[in-house]
């Protein structure tokens, strides 16, 4: 299995080019836009989405530079969603430091998120391919729908696993799917390879989010770079909670139902115990592994290369990470 550090080393030159492109495209005549955008772009993070886009492009044999712009677009859209998410979720910590809204205020964070969205669309115009614009516009709209669906399901203990999976597809996996598909299109791949890459991205993104939701109950704040129990505090019914509620004792189910309805962290120890005793973390981990396996299986028709092996490694990393 190729390790994440080896994948980063393989893609280091492309990623450095993306970083320079991001710097150039962040520039604005408005000082606060520059300040906030720089703050969040340079506050750490795995940069998994742009690396995915770049690696997919290389796996498809692409050798031009426009894939760098596509990767930057994906990162801008993702960053915009983070700015908006942290306002909606009242978050005050991300990637081990204060969120932009905690530092600069909610209004500024929302407006700079809007700037990043609109800048990403300017960059799509520069690429000049209508199908790329269609994919990105559809992804952005789907993400917004996912945010609204999550808001509707907040503090709802009757949220089903199916509804949860629909939310994480829209909120998270759709952007992974868009990045992978865009790379294949830019590489002028046939439709079967384009679809294979889209499937790979969707499964990879789903595995990533499943693990993210499990880590909220199974990792330290230092590992995650955010507060433990944030999902519980918001009354967010993620898969570990849904599974524990459906498979716990009546007392555990009652507790979890009340915690989802009311939010807060005061019962996190008891909720974590219920999650552990019902096997909810193991169930979520198995679900993530299944998604990673499906992602890898999607690459069957992609020619062998070190970049294909890197994509396999990214899927394995997404399902097994601790941060």
C-alpha atoms as a PDB file:
ATOM      1  CA  UNK A   1       0.000   0.000   0.000  1.00  0.00           C
ATOM      2  CA  UNK A   2       1.414   3.378  -1.005  1.00  0.00           C
ATOM      3  CA  UNK A   3       1.440   5.677   2.037  1.00  0.00           C
ATOM      4  CA  UNK A   4      -0.010   9.180   2.124  1.00  0.00           C
ATOM      5  CA  UNK A   5       3.454  10.739   2.533  1.00  0.00           C
ATOM      6  CA  UNK A   6       4.615   8.984  -0.637  1.00  0.00           C
ATOM      7  CA  UNK A   7       1.538  10.262  -2.483  1.00  0.00           C
ATOM      8  CA  UNK A   8       2.240  13.792  -1.307  1.00  0.00           C
ATOM      9  CA  UNK A   9       5.840  13.455  -2.474  1.00  0.00           C
ATOM     10  CA  UNK A  10       4.698  12.162  -5.866  1.00  0.00           C
ATOM     11  CA  UNK A  11       2.332  15.113  -6.319  1.00  0.00           C
ATOM     12  CA  UNK A  12       4.528  17.738  -4.622  1.00  0.00           C
ATOM     13  CA  UNK A  13       5.455  19.633  -7.784  1.00  0.00           C
ATOM     14  CA  UNK A  14       1.855  19.847  -8.982  1.00  0.00           C
ATOM     15  CA  UNK A  15       0.639  20.809  -5.504  1.00  0.00           C
ATOM     16  CA  UNK A  16       3.238  23.586  -5.275  1.00  0.00           C
ATOM     17  CA  UNK A  17       1.984  24.915  -8.604  1.00  0.00           C
ATOM     18  CA  UNK A  18      -1.580  24.828  -7.285  1.00  0.00           C
ATOM     19  CA  UNK A  19      -0.521  26.740  -4.174  1.00  0.00           C
ATOM     20  CA  UNK A  20       1.025  29.463  -6.334  1.00  0.00           C
ATOM     21  CA  UNK A  21      -2.105  29.584  -8.482  1.00  0.00           C
ATOM     22  CA  UNK A  22      -4.290  29.898  -5.379  1.00  0.00           C
ATOM     23  CA  UNK A  23      -2.133  32.766  -4.109  1.00  0.00           C
ATOM     24  CA  UNK A  24      -2.471  34.607  -7.406  1.00  0.00           C
ATOM     25  CA  UNK A  25      -6.236  34.092  -7.645  1.00  0.00           C
ATOM     26  CA  UNK A  26      -6.868  35.146  -4.024  1.00  0.00           C
ATOM     27  CA  UNK A  27      -5.699  38.663  -4.780  1.00  0.00           C
ATOM     28  CA  UNK A  28      -8.355  41.348  -4.251  1.00  0.00           C
ATOM     29  CA  UNK A  29      -8.411  45.144  -3.996  1.00  0.00           C
ATOM     30  CA  UNK A  30     -10.378  44.708  -0.764  1.00  0.00           C
ATOM     31  CA  UNK A  31      -7.994  44.206   2.155  1.00  0.00           C
ATOM     32  CA  UNK A  32     -10.384  42.184   4.357  1.00  0.00           C
ATOM     33  CA  UNK A  33     -11.042  39.735   1.522  1.00  0.00           C
ATOM     34  CA  UNK A  34      -7.302  39.108   1.245  1.00  0.00           C
ATOM     35  CA  UNK A  35      -6.901  38.807   4.998  1.00  0.00           C
ATOM     36  CA  UNK A  36      -9.657  36.262   5.600  1.00  0.00           C
ATOM     37  CA  UNK A  37      -9.012  34.243   2.457  1.00  0.00           C
ATOM     38  CA  UNK A  38      -5.316  33.987   3.312  1.00  0.00           C
ATOM     39  CA  UNK A  39      -6.179  33.053   6.907  1.00  0.00           C
ATOM     40  CA  UNK A  40      -8.291  30.059   6.001  1.00  0.00           C
ATOM     41  CA  UNK A  41      -6.306  28.891   2.968  1.00  0.00           C
ATOM     42  CA  UNK A  42      -3.120  28.829   5.036  1.00  0.00           C
ATOM     43  CA  UNK A  43      -4.596  27.380   8.225  1.00  0.00           C
ATOM     44  CA  UNK A  44      -3.563  23.815   7.429  1.00  0.00           C
ATOM     45  CA  UNK A  45      -5.746  21.021   6.138  1.00  0.00           C
ATOM     46  CA  UNK A  46      -5.020  17.942   4.081  1.00  0.00           C
ATOM     47  CA  UNK A  47      -5.684  19.521   0.657  1.00  0.00           C
ATOM     48  CA  UNK A  48      -7.094  16.127  -0.282  1.00  0.00           C
ATOM     49  CA  UNK A  49      -9.538  17.501  -2.853  1.00  0.00           C
ATOM     50  CA  UNK A  50      -7.047  19.358  -5.057  1.00  0.00           C
ATOM     51  CA  UNK A  51      -4.576  16.469  -4.704  1.00  0.00           C
ATOM     52  CA  UNK A  52      -7.337  14.105  -5.841  1.00  0.00           C
ATOM     53  CA  UNK A  53      -8.012  16.247  -8.913  1.00  0.00           C
ATOM     54  CA  UNK A  54      -4.322  16.450  -9.821  1.00  0.00           C
ATOM     55  CA  UNK A  55      -3.717  12.721  -9.293  1.00  0.00           C
ATOM     56  CA  UNK A  56      -6.771  11.755 -11.355  1.00  0.00           C
ATOM     57  CA  UNK A  57      -5.533  14.002 -14.172  1.00  0.00           C
ATOM     58  CA  UNK A  58      -2.089  12.386 -14.077  1.00  0.00           C
ATOM     59  CA  UNK A  59      -3.621   8.895 -13.949  1.00  0.00           C
ATOM     60  CA  UNK A  60      -5.513   9.813 -17.104  1.00  0.00           C
ATOM     61  CA  UNK A  61      -2.304  10.849 -18.832  1.00  0.00           C
ATOM     62  CA  UNK A  62      -2.894  14.585 -18.750  1.00  0.00           C
ATOM     63  CA  UNK A  63       0.250  16.674 -19.220  1.00  0.00           C
ATOM     64  CA  UNK A  64      -0.978  20.267 -19.615  1.00  0.00           C
ATOM     65  CA  UNK A  65      -1.376  22.886 -16.862  1.00  0.00           C
ATOM     66  CA  UNK A  66      -5.129  23.530 -16.879  1.00  0.00           C
ATOM     67  CA  UNK A  67      -5.634  20.733 -14.342  1.00  0.00           C
ATOM     68  CA  UNK A  68      -3.899  23.033 -11.854  1.00  0.00           C
ATOM     69  CA  UNK A  69      -6.650  25.613 -12.301  1.00  0.00           C
ATOM     70  CA  UNK A  70      -9.293  22.897 -11.871  1.00  0.00           C
ATOM     71  CA  UNK A  71      -7.669  21.765  -8.619  1.00  0.00           C
ATOM     72  CA  UNK A  72      -7.591  25.359  -7.347  1.00  0.00           C
ATOM     73  CA  UNK A  73     -11.265  25.774  -8.225  1.00  0.00           C
ATOM     74  CA  UNK A  74     -12.125  22.683  -6.191  1.00  0.00           C
ATOM     75  CA  UNK A  75     -10.172  24.057  -3.223  1.00  0.00           C
ATOM     76  CA  UNK A  76     -11.884  27.462  -3.488  1.00  0.00           C
ATOM     77  CA  UNK A  77     -15.337  25.878  -3.514  1.00  0.00           C
ATOM     78  CA  UNK A  78     -14.404  23.689  -0.558  1.00  0.00           C
ATOM     79  CA  UNK A  79     -12.995  26.647   1.368  1.00  0.00           C
ATOM     80  CA  UNK A  80     -16.141  28.665   0.704  1.00  0.00           C
ATOM     81  CA  UNK A  81     -18.249  25.844   2.145  1.00  0.00           C
ATOM     82  CA  UNK A  82     -16.030  25.767   5.261  1.00  0.00           C
ATOM     83  CA  UNK A  83     -16.518  29.492   5.828  1.00  0.00           C
ATOM     84  CA  UNK A  84     -20.283  29.138   5.529  1.00  0.00           C
ATOM     85  CA  UNK A  85     -20.432  25.859   7.499  1.00  0.00           C
ATOM     86  CA  UNK A  86     -18.618  27.302  10.488  1.00  0.00           C
ATOM     87  CA  UNK A  87     -21.083  30.183  10.670  1.00  0.00           C
ATOM     88  CA  UNK A  88     -24.105  27.882  10.403  1.00  0.00           C
ATOM     89  CA  UNK A  89     -22.640  25.421  12.945  1.00  0.00           C
ATOM     90  CA  UNK A  90     -21.396  28.137  15.346  1.00  0.00           C
ATOM     91  CA  UNK A  91     -17.969  26.472  15.222  1.00  0.00           C
ATOM     92  CA  UNK A  92     -15.004  28.152  16.892  1.00  0.00           C
ATOM     93  CA  UNK A  93     -12.167  25.726  16.112  1.00  0.00           C
ATOM     94  CA  UNK A  94     -10.969  24.113  12.884  1.00  0.00           C
ATOM     95  CA  UNK A  95      -7.593  22.640  11.964  1.00  0.00           C
ATOM     96  CA  UNK A  96      -6.312  23.404  15.445  1.00  0.00           C
ATOM     97  CA  UNK A  97      -6.972  27.149  15.381  1.00  0.00           C
ATOM     98  CA  UNK A  98      -9.857  29.581  15.622  1.00  0.00           C
ATOM     99  CA  UNK A  99     -12.352  29.520  12.774  1.00  0.00           C
ATOM    100  CA  UNK A 100     -12.548  32.559  10.517  1.00  0.00           C
ATOM    101  CA  UNK A 101     -15.946  33.503  11.949  1.00  0.00           C
ATOM    102  CA  UNK A 102     -14.535  33.345  15.491  1.00  0.00           C
ATOM    103  CA  UNK A 103     -11.662  35.633  14.492  1.00  0.00           C
ATOM    104  CA  UNK A 104     -13.289  38.006  11.994  1.00  0.00           C
ATOM    105  CA  UNK A 105     -17.017  37.661  12.680  1.00  0.00           C
ATOM    106  CA  UNK A 106     -19.888  35.902  10.948  1.00  0.00           C
ATOM    107  CA  UNK A 107     -20.751  38.594   8.413  1.00  0.00           C
ATOM    108  CA  UNK A 108     -17.219  38.886   7.063  1.00  0.00           C
ATOM    109  CA  UNK A 109     -16.850  35.087   6.851  1.00  0.00           C
ATOM    110  CA  UNK A 110     -20.061  34.655   4.865  1.00  0.00           C
ATOM    111  CA  UNK A 111     -19.170  37.447   2.454  1.00  0.00           C
ATOM    112  CA  UNK A 112     -15.634  36.184   1.853  1.00  0.00           C
ATOM    113  CA  UNK A 113     -17.104  32.734   1.258  1.00  0.00           C
ATOM    114  CA  UNK A 114     -19.241  34.355  -1.430  1.00  0.00           C
ATOM    115  CA  UNK A 115     -16.092  35.932  -2.887  1.00  0.00           C
ATOM    116  CA  UNK A 116     -14.412  32.517  -3.128  1.00  0.00           C
ATOM    117  CA  UNK A 117     -17.455  31.009  -4.831  1.00  0.00           C
ATOM    118  CA  UNK A 118     -17.608  33.811  -7.384  1.00  0.00           C
ATOM    119  CA  UNK A 119     -13.843  33.748  -7.966  1.00  0.00           C
ATOM    120  CA  UNK A 120     -14.038  30.019  -8.647  1.00  0.00           C
ATOM    121  CA  UNK A 121     -16.626  30.672 -11.353  1.00  0.00           C
ATOM    122  CA  UNK A 122     -14.399  33.314 -12.926  1.00  0.00           C
ATOM    123  CA  UNK A 123     -11.670  30.663 -13.064  1.00  0.00           C
ATOM    124  CA  UNK A 124     -14.084  28.198 -14.703  1.00  0.00           C
ATOM    125  CA  UNK A 125     -14.720  30.754 -17.441  1.00  0.00           C
ATOM    126  CA  UNK A 126     -10.958  30.972 -17.988  1.00  0.00           C
ATOM    127  CA  UNK A 127     -10.830  27.198 -18.571  1.00  0.00           C
ATOM    128  CA  UNK A 128     -13.432  27.760 -21.270  1.00  0.00           C
ATOM    129  CA  UNK A 129     -15.151  24.371 -21.327  1.00  0.00           C
ATOM    130  CA  UNK A 130     -18.913  24.333 -20.965  1.00  0.00           C
ATOM    131  CA  UNK A 131     -19.016  20.768 -19.593  1.00  0.00           C
ATOM    132  CA  UNK A 132     -16.576  21.722 -16.812  1.00  0.00           C
ATOM    133  CA  UNK A 133     -18.736  24.731 -15.922  1.00  0.00           C
ATOM    134  CA  UNK A 134     -21.813  22.481 -15.903  1.00  0.00           C
ATOM    135  CA  UNK A 135     -20.156  19.959 -13.551  1.00  0.00           C
ATOM    136  CA  UNK A 136     -18.901  22.623 -11.157  1.00  0.00           C
ATOM    137  CA  UNK A 137     -22.168  24.571 -11.151  1.00  0.00           C
ATOM    138  CA  UNK A 138     -24.107  21.371 -10.486  1.00  0.00           C
ATOM    139  CA  UNK A 139     -21.709  20.416  -7.682  1.00  0.00           C
ATOM    140  CA  UNK A 140     -21.995  23.835  -6.036  1.00  0.00           C
ATOM    141  CA  UNK A 141     -25.776  23.693  -6.179  1.00  0.00           C
ATOM    142  CA  UNK A 142     -25.842  20.139  -4.818  1.00  0.00           C
ATOM    143  CA  UNK A 143     -23.590  21.135  -1.908  1.00  0.00           C
ATOM    144  CA  UNK A 144     -25.973  23.980  -1.053  1.00  0.00           C
ATOM    145  CA  UNK A 145     -28.899  21.557  -1.117  1.00  0.00           C
ATOM    146  CA  UNK A 146     -26.953  19.235   1.173  1.00  0.00           C
ATOM    147  CA  UNK A 147     -26.403  22.039   3.656  1.00  0.00           C
ATOM    148  CA  UNK A 148     -30.125  22.779   3.718  1.00  0.00           C
ATOM    149  CA  UNK A 149     -30.975  19.071   4.102  1.00  0.00           C
ATOM    150  CA  UNK A 150     -28.565  18.809   7.023  1.00  0.00           C
ATOM    151  CA  UNK A 151     -30.174  21.852   8.614  1.00  0.00           C
ATOM    152  CA  UNK A 152     -33.611  20.242   8.197  1.00  0.00           C
ATOM    153  CA  UNK A 153     -32.370  17.032   9.870  1.00  0.00           C
ATOM    154  CA  UNK A 154     -30.627  18.815  12.710  1.00  0.00           C
ATOM    155  CA  UNK A 155     -31.964  17.722  16.121  1.00  0.00           C
ATOM    156  CA  UNK A 156     -34.110  15.063  14.431  1.00  0.00           C
ATOM    157  CA  UNK A 157     -33.509  11.660  16.087  1.00  0.00           C
ATOM    158  CA  UNK A 158     -35.687   9.966  13.455  1.00  0.00           C
ATOM    159  CA  UNK A 159     -33.167  10.672  10.700  1.00  0.00           C
ATOM    160  CA  UNK A 160     -32.576   7.418   8.812  1.00  0.00           C
ATOM    161  CA  UNK A 161     -29.270   6.072   7.558  1.00  0.00           C
ATOM    162  CA  UNK A 162     -30.559   6.595   4.013  1.00  0.00           C
ATOM    163  CA  UNK A 163     -31.268  10.261   4.708  1.00  0.00           C
ATOM    164  CA  UNK A 164     -27.857  10.636   6.335  1.00  0.00           C
ATOM    165  CA  UNK A 165     -26.116   9.107   3.328  1.00  0.00           C
ATOM    166  CA  UNK A 166     -27.984  11.446   0.997  1.00  0.00           C
ATOM    167  CA  UNK A 167     -26.723  14.399   3.019  1.00  0.00           C
ATOM    168  CA  UNK A 168     -23.081  13.301   3.004  1.00  0.00           C
ATOM    169  CA  UNK A 169     -23.221  12.616  -0.731  1.00  0.00           C
ATOM    170  CA  UNK A 170     -24.456  16.123  -1.385  1.00  0.00           C
ATOM    171  CA  UNK A 171     -22.315  17.891   1.208  1.00  0.00           C
ATOM    172  CA  UNK A 172     -19.032  16.055   0.739  1.00  0.00           C
ATOM    173  CA  UNK A 173     -18.858  13.315  -1.880  1.00  0.00           C
ATOM    174  CA  UNK A 174     -20.266  15.456  -4.700  1.00  0.00           C
ATOM    175  CA  UNK A 175     -17.218  17.738  -4.733  1.00  0.00           C
ATOM    176  CA  UNK A 176     -14.834  14.754  -4.749  1.00  0.00           C
ATOM    177  CA  UNK A 177     -16.854  13.332  -7.638  1.00  0.00           C
ATOM    178  CA  UNK A 178     -16.702  16.648  -9.519  1.00  0.00           C
ATOM    179  CA  UNK A 179     -12.926  16.950  -9.094  1.00  0.00           C
ATOM    180  CA  UNK A 180     -12.240  13.438 -10.349  1.00  0.00           C
ATOM    181  CA  UNK A 181     -14.654  13.746 -13.274  1.00  0.00           C
ATOM    182  CA  UNK A 182     -13.269  17.136 -14.287  1.00  0.00           C
ATOM    183  CA  UNK A 183      -9.758  15.690 -14.397  1.00  0.00           C
ATOM    184  CA  UNK A 184     -10.837  12.897 -16.748  1.00  0.00           C
ATOM    185  CA  UNK A 185     -12.681  15.310 -19.031  1.00  0.00           C
ATOM    186  CA  UNK A 186      -9.706  17.659 -19.244  1.00  0.00           C
ATOM    187  CA  UNK A 187      -7.576  14.644 -20.140  1.00  0.00           C
ATOM    188  CA  UNK A 188      -9.984  13.899 -23.043  1.00  0.00           C
ATOM    189  CA  UNK A 189     -10.760  10.438 -21.729  1.00  0.00           C
ATOM    190  CA  UNK A 190     -13.560   8.281 -23.174  1.00  0.00           C
ATOM    191  CA  UNK A 191     -16.866   8.244 -21.367  1.00  0.00           C
ATOM    192  CA  UNK A 192     -16.233   4.943 -19.572  1.00  0.00           C
ATOM    193  CA  UNK A 193     -13.082   6.357 -17.930  1.00  0.00           C
ATOM    194  CA  UNK A 194     -14.878   9.610 -17.091  1.00  0.00           C
ATOM    195  CA  UNK A 195     -17.613   7.625 -15.375  1.00  0.00           C
ATOM    196  CA  UNK A 196     -15.038   5.452 -13.608  1.00  0.00           C
ATOM    197  CA  UNK A 197     -13.333   8.550 -12.216  1.00  0.00           C
ATOM    198  CA  UNK A 198     -16.659  10.052 -11.129  1.00  0.00           C
ATOM    199  CA  UNK A 199     -17.532   6.815  -9.320  1.00  0.00           C
ATOM    200  CA  UNK A 200     -14.097   6.737  -7.706  1.00  0.00           C
ATOM    201  CA  UNK A 201     -14.466  10.298  -6.431  1.00  0.00           C
ATOM    202  CA  UNK A 202     -17.961   9.680  -5.075  1.00  0.00           C
ATOM    203  CA  UNK A 203     -16.942   6.582  -3.124  1.00  0.00           C
ATOM    204  CA  UNK A 204     -13.740   8.221  -1.888  1.00  0.00           C
ATOM    205  CA  UNK A 205     -15.640  11.264  -0.624  1.00  0.00           C
ATOM    206  CA  UNK A 206     -18.202   9.082   1.117  1.00  0.00           C
ATOM    207  CA  UNK A 207     -15.484   7.074   2.868  1.00  0.00           C
ATOM    208  CA  UNK A 208     -13.798  10.307   3.928  1.00  0.00           C
ATOM    209  CA  UNK A 209     -16.970  11.718   5.491  1.00  0.00           C
ATOM    210  CA  UNK A 210     -17.898   8.463   7.234  1.00  0.00           C
ATOM    211  CA  UNK A 211     -14.508   8.441   8.949  1.00  0.00           C
ATOM    212  CA  UNK A 212     -14.827  12.127   9.770  1.00  0.00           C
ATOM    213  CA  UNK A 213     -18.111  11.464  11.559  1.00  0.00           C
ATOM    214  CA  UNK A 214     -16.661   8.500  13.458  1.00  0.00           C
ATOM    215  CA  UNK A 215     -13.641  10.533  14.579  1.00  0.00           C
ATOM    216  CA  UNK A 216     -15.966  12.973  16.335  1.00  0.00           C
ATOM    217  CA  UNK A 217     -16.418  10.234  18.946  1.00  0.00           C
ATOM    218  CA  UNK A 218     -13.093   8.430  18.627  1.00  0.00           C
ATOM    219  CA  UNK A 219     -10.262  10.950  18.461  1.00  0.00           C
ATOM    220  CA  UNK A 220      -8.746  13.769  20.468  1.00  0.00           C
ATOM    221  CA  UNK A 221      -9.111  17.443  19.641  1.00  0.00           C
ATOM    222  CA  UNK A 222      -5.377  17.512  18.886  1.00  0.00           C
ATOM    223  CA  UNK A 223      -5.765  14.708  16.335  1.00  0.00           C
ATOM    224  CA  UNK A 224      -8.808  16.219  14.655  1.00  0.00           C
ATOM    225  CA  UNK A 225      -7.932  19.897  14.917  1.00  0.00           C
ATOM    226  CA  UNK A 226     -11.447  20.657  16.146  1.00  0.00           C
ATOM    227  CA  UNK A 227     -13.506  20.174  19.290  1.00  0.00           C
ATOM    228  CA  UNK A 228     -14.484  16.614  20.184  1.00  0.00           C
ATOM    229  CA  UNK A 229     -18.241  16.101  20.219  1.00  0.00           C
ATOM    230  CA  UNK A 230     -19.068  18.993  17.888  1.00  0.00           C
ATOM    231  CA  UNK A 231     -21.661  16.877  16.063  1.00  0.00           C
ATOM    232  CA  UNK A 232     -23.380  15.938  19.318  1.00  0.00           C
ATOM    233  CA  UNK A 233     -23.314  19.549  20.515  1.00  0.00           C
ATOM    234  CA  UNK A 234     -25.150  20.579  17.350  1.00  0.00           C
ATOM    235  CA  UNK A 235     -27.660  17.729  17.562  1.00  0.00           C
ATOM    236  CA  UNK A 236     -26.327  16.361  14.277  1.00  0.00           C
ATOM    237  CA  UNK A 237     -27.495  12.745  13.675  1.00  0.00           C
ATOM    238  CA  UNK A 238     -24.451  11.132  12.062  1.00  0.00           C
ATOM    239  CA  UNK A 239     -24.046   7.407  11.391  1.00  0.00           C
ATOM    240  CA  UNK A 240     -22.475   6.461  14.768  1.00  0.00           C
ATOM    241  CA  UNK A 241     -25.411   8.059  16.589  1.00  0.00           C
ATOM    242  CA  UNK A 242     -28.017   6.613  14.224  1.00  0.00           C
ATOM    243  CA  UNK A 243     -26.597   3.092  14.608  1.00  0.00           C
ATOM    244  CA  UNK A 244     -26.289   3.366  18.406  1.00  0.00           C
ATOM    245  CA  UNK A 245     -29.832   4.697  18.717  1.00  0.00           C
ATOM    246  CA  UNK A 246     -31.204   1.801  16.653  1.00  0.00           C
ATOM    247  CA  UNK A 247     -29.153  -0.934  18.372  1.00  0.00           C
ATOM    248  CA  UNK A 248     -28.746   0.234  21.956  1.00  0.00           C
ATOM    249  CA  UNK A 249     -30.755  -0.564  25.048  1.00  0.00           C
ATOM    250  CA  UNK A 250     -33.984   1.384  25.607  1.00  0.00           C
ATOM    251  CA  UNK A 251     -32.112   3.557  28.084  1.00  0.00           C
ATOM    252  CA  UNK A 252     -29.301   4.260  25.616  1.00  0.00           C
ATOM    253  CA  UNK A 253     -31.769   4.998  22.823  1.00  0.00           C
ATOM    254  CA  UNK A 254     -33.663   7.396  25.072  1.00  0.00           C
ATOM    255  CA  UNK A 255     -30.466   9.203  26.026  1.00  0.00           C
ATOM    256  CA  UNK A 256     -29.252   9.528  22.430  1.00  0.00           C
ATOM    257  CA  UNK A 257     -32.671  10.693  21.271  1.00  0.00           C
ATOM    258  CA  UNK A 258     -32.700  13.404  23.928  1.00  0.00           C
ATOM    259  CA  UNK A 259     -29.135  14.467  23.098  1.00  0.00           C
ATOM    260  CA  UNK A 260     -29.932  14.792  19.398  1.00  0.00           C
ATOM    261  CA  UNK A 261     -33.069  16.779  20.180  1.00  0.00           C
ATOM    262  CA  UNK A 262     -31.376  19.123  22.630  1.00  0.00           C
ATOM    263  CA  UNK A 263     -27.734  19.237  21.539  1.00  0.00           C
ATOM    264  CA  UNK A 264     -24.921  19.953  23.988  1.00  0.00           C
ATOM    265  CA  UNK A 265     -21.956  17.975  25.297  1.00  0.00           C
ATOM    266  CA  UNK A 266     -22.967  17.326  28.911  1.00  0.00           C
ATOM    267  CA  UNK A 267     -23.777  13.645  28.212  1.00  0.00           C
ATOM    268  CA  UNK A 268     -20.940  12.954  25.778  1.00  0.00           C
ATOM    269  CA  UNK A 269     -19.317  10.320  28.026  1.00  0.00           C
ATOM    270  CA  UNK A 270     -22.528   8.282  28.226  1.00  0.00           C
ATOM    271  CA  UNK A 271     -23.224   8.727  24.526  1.00  0.00           C
ATOM    272  CA  UNK A 272     -19.679   7.666  23.646  1.00  0.00           C
ATOM    273  CA  UNK A 273     -20.102   4.570  25.827  1.00  0.00           C
ATOM    274  CA  UNK A 274     -23.355   3.719  24.015  1.00  0.00           C
ATOM    275  CA  UNK A 275     -21.627   4.170  20.667  1.00  0.00           C
ATOM    276  CA  UNK A 276     -18.826   1.831  21.761  1.00  0.00           C
ATOM    277  CA  UNK A 277     -21.036  -0.877  23.282  1.00  0.00           C
ATOM    278  CA  UNK A 278     -23.351  -1.019  20.242  1.00  0.00           C
ATOM    279  CA  UNK A 279     -20.452  -1.375  17.812  1.00  0.00           C
ATOM    280  CA  UNK A 280     -21.404   1.861  16.073  1.00  0.00           C
ATOM    281  CA  UNK A 281     -17.812   2.873  15.413  1.00  0.00           C
ATOM    282  CA  UNK A 282     -17.000  -0.535  13.953  1.00  0.00           C
ATOM    283  CA  UNK A 283     -20.115  -0.345  11.779  1.00  0.00           C
ATOM    284  CA  UNK A 284     -19.144   3.104  10.516  1.00  0.00           C
ATOM    285  CA  UNK A 285     -15.566   1.947   9.892  1.00  0.00           C
ATOM    286  CA  UNK A 286     -16.808  -1.065   7.905  1.00  0.00           C
ATOM    287  CA  UNK A 287     -19.031   1.229   5.861  1.00  0.00           C
ATOM    288  CA  UNK A 288     -16.036   3.446   5.118  1.00  0.00           C
ATOM    289  CA  UNK A 289     -13.937   0.429   4.129  1.00  0.00           C
ATOM    290  CA  UNK A 290     -16.693  -0.733   1.773  1.00  0.00           C
ATOM    291  CA  UNK A 291     -16.757   2.688   0.132  1.00  0.00           C
ATOM    292  CA  UNK A 292     -12.966   2.690  -0.213  1.00  0.00           C
ATOM    293  CA  UNK A 293     -13.093  -0.786  -1.784  1.00  0.00           C
ATOM    294  CA  UNK A 294     -15.756   0.435  -4.225  1.00  0.00           C
ATOM    295  CA  UNK A 295     -13.568   3.431  -5.076  1.00  0.00           C
ATOM    296  CA  UNK A 296     -10.625   1.153  -5.848  1.00  0.00           C
ATOM    297  CA  UNK A 297     -12.815  -1.203  -7.884  1.00  0.00           C
ATOM    298  CA  UNK A 298     -13.945   1.769  -9.976  1.00  0.00           C
ATOM    299  CA  UNK A 299     -10.372   2.117 -11.289  1.00  0.00           C
ATOM    300  CA  UNK A 300     -10.323  -1.280 -13.024  1.00  0.00           C
ATOM    301  CA  UNK A 301     -10.231   0.156 -16.552  1.00  0.00           C
ATOM    302  CA  UNK A 302      -7.746   2.912 -15.718  1.00  0.00           C
ATOM    303  CA  UNK A 303      -4.273   2.030 -17.088  1.00  0.00           C
ATOM    304  CA  UNK A 304      -1.631   0.996 -14.572  1.00  0.00           C
ATOM    305  CA  UNK A 305       0.718   3.758 -13.430  1.00  0.00           C
ATOM    306  CA  UNK A 306       2.221   5.188 -10.278  1.00  0.00           C
ATOM    307  CA  UNK A 307      -0.657   7.679 -10.286  1.00  0.00           C
ATOM    308  CA  UNK A 308      -3.268   4.910 -10.317  1.00  0.00           C
ATOM    309  CA  UNK A 309      -1.470   3.372  -7.348  1.00  0.00           C
ATOM    310  CA  UNK A 310      -1.601   6.779  -5.663  1.00  0.00           C
ATOM    311  CA  UNK A 311      -5.375   6.869  -6.170  1.00  0.00           C
ATOM    312  CA  UNK A 312      -5.620   3.443  -4.545  1.00  0.00           C
ATOM    313  CA  UNK A 313      -3.505   4.775  -1.681  1.00  0.00           C
ATOM    314  CA  UNK A 314      -5.758   7.812  -1.286  1.00  0.00           C
ATOM    315  CA  UNK A 315      -8.791   5.544  -0.927  1.00  0.00           C
ATOM    316  CA  UNK A 316      -7.018   3.465   1.716  1.00  0.00           C
ATOM    317  CA  UNK A 317      -5.932   6.610   3.550  1.00  0.00           C
ATOM    318  CA  UNK A 318      -9.473   8.024   3.517  1.00  0.00           C
ATOM    319  CA  UNK A 319     -10.849   4.896   5.186  1.00  0.00           C
ATOM    320  CA  UNK A 320      -8.064   4.430   7.760  1.00  0.00           C
ATOM    321  CA  UNK A 321      -7.013   7.933   8.779  1.00  0.00           C
ATOM    322  CA  UNK A 322      -6.952   9.217  12.337  1.00  0.00           C
ATOM    323  CA  UNK A 323      -7.163  12.937  11.538  1.00  0.00           C
END
